Protein backbone atom coordinates (compact mmCIF):
# COMPACT_ATOMS: atom_id res chain seq x y z
CA ASP A 1 -141.70 -181.56 114.12
CA ILE A 2 -142.52 -182.77 110.61
CA ARG A 3 -144.34 -179.49 109.86
CA ASP A 4 -141.01 -177.62 110.09
CA PHE A 5 -139.69 -179.26 106.93
CA ALA A 6 -141.33 -178.96 103.53
CA LEU A 7 -139.81 -180.07 100.25
CA TRP A 8 -142.93 -178.98 98.36
CA LYS A 9 -145.21 -176.14 99.41
CA LEU A 10 -148.71 -176.09 97.96
CA ALA A 11 -149.86 -172.86 96.35
CA LYS A 12 -152.38 -171.09 98.58
CA SER A 13 -154.11 -169.32 95.70
CA ALA A 14 -154.25 -169.29 91.91
CA ASN A 15 -152.23 -166.04 91.93
CA GLU A 16 -149.31 -167.52 93.85
CA PRO A 17 -146.38 -168.69 91.69
CA GLY A 18 -146.29 -172.45 91.27
CA TRP A 19 -146.00 -175.46 89.03
CA ASP A 20 -148.20 -178.49 88.55
CA SER A 21 -146.75 -181.61 90.15
CA PRO A 22 -147.83 -185.05 91.38
CA TRP A 23 -148.27 -183.43 94.83
CA GLY A 24 -150.46 -180.57 93.57
CA ARG A 25 -149.74 -177.07 92.32
CA GLY A 26 -146.96 -175.46 94.32
CA ARG A 27 -143.27 -174.70 94.53
CA PRO A 28 -140.09 -176.06 96.12
CA GLY A 29 -139.85 -175.43 99.84
CA TRP A 30 -136.94 -174.69 102.17
CA HIS A 31 -134.66 -173.46 99.45
CA ILE A 32 -134.00 -176.88 97.96
CA GLU A 33 -132.78 -174.96 94.91
CA CYS A 34 -129.81 -173.70 96.97
CA SER A 35 -128.69 -177.27 97.58
CA ALA A 36 -129.22 -178.20 93.93
CA MET A 37 -127.28 -175.21 92.56
CA THR A 38 -124.45 -175.70 95.03
CA ARG A 39 -124.12 -179.36 94.09
CA ALA A 40 -124.23 -178.58 90.35
CA THR A 41 -121.50 -175.94 90.76
CA PHE A 42 -119.21 -177.43 93.44
CA GLY A 43 -120.02 -181.15 93.43
CA ASP A 44 -120.35 -183.19 96.61
CA LEU A 45 -117.47 -181.62 98.52
CA LEU A 46 -118.92 -178.24 99.48
CA ASP A 47 -122.25 -177.00 100.79
CA LEU A 48 -122.61 -173.24 100.48
CA HIS A 49 -125.41 -171.29 102.14
CA ALA A 50 -125.63 -167.83 103.61
CA GLY A 51 -127.63 -166.25 106.37
CA GLY A 52 -127.55 -165.00 109.91
CA VAL A 53 -127.69 -166.90 113.18
CA ASP A 54 -131.39 -166.06 113.31
CA LEU A 55 -131.85 -168.59 110.48
CA ALA A 56 -130.03 -171.45 112.21
CA PHE A 57 -133.40 -173.06 112.85
CA PRO A 58 -135.20 -174.01 110.80
CA HIS A 59 -133.51 -172.79 107.61
CA HIS A 60 -129.92 -174.02 108.04
CA GLU A 61 -130.87 -177.18 109.90
CA ASN A 62 -133.26 -178.14 107.10
CA GLU A 63 -130.62 -177.51 104.44
CA ILE A 64 -128.22 -179.75 106.37
CA ALA A 65 -130.92 -182.44 106.41
CA GLN A 66 -131.40 -182.03 102.64
CA TRP A 67 -127.68 -182.49 102.06
CA ARG A 68 -127.48 -185.58 104.23
CA GLY A 69 -130.61 -187.10 102.71
CA SER A 70 -129.47 -186.62 99.13
CA ARG A 71 -125.81 -187.51 99.59
CA GLY A 72 -125.71 -189.94 102.50
CA GLY A 73 -123.32 -187.95 104.67
CA ASP A 74 -121.76 -184.59 105.36
CA PRO A 75 -119.77 -182.47 102.88
CA SER A 76 -116.05 -181.97 103.35
CA GLU A 77 -116.68 -178.27 103.98
CA TRP A 78 -119.62 -176.23 105.29
CA CYS A 79 -119.61 -172.54 104.39
């Protein structure tokens, strides 16, 4: 379901944290910053995320999709 995956979440009110962007005022969605920081620190060989099995869907599955979309494949190691 396309609604389960959001790279950019629109701010719901003026008081909600956000930044102006071509897509409207909002913030990154689905922890894209985790993927960016991991790549900056470890390169393309390792994807590092944490969380319980209760986050397998949608959180972890969406982060896997982010990795594959930005790198064209799977990392050598998932942690």
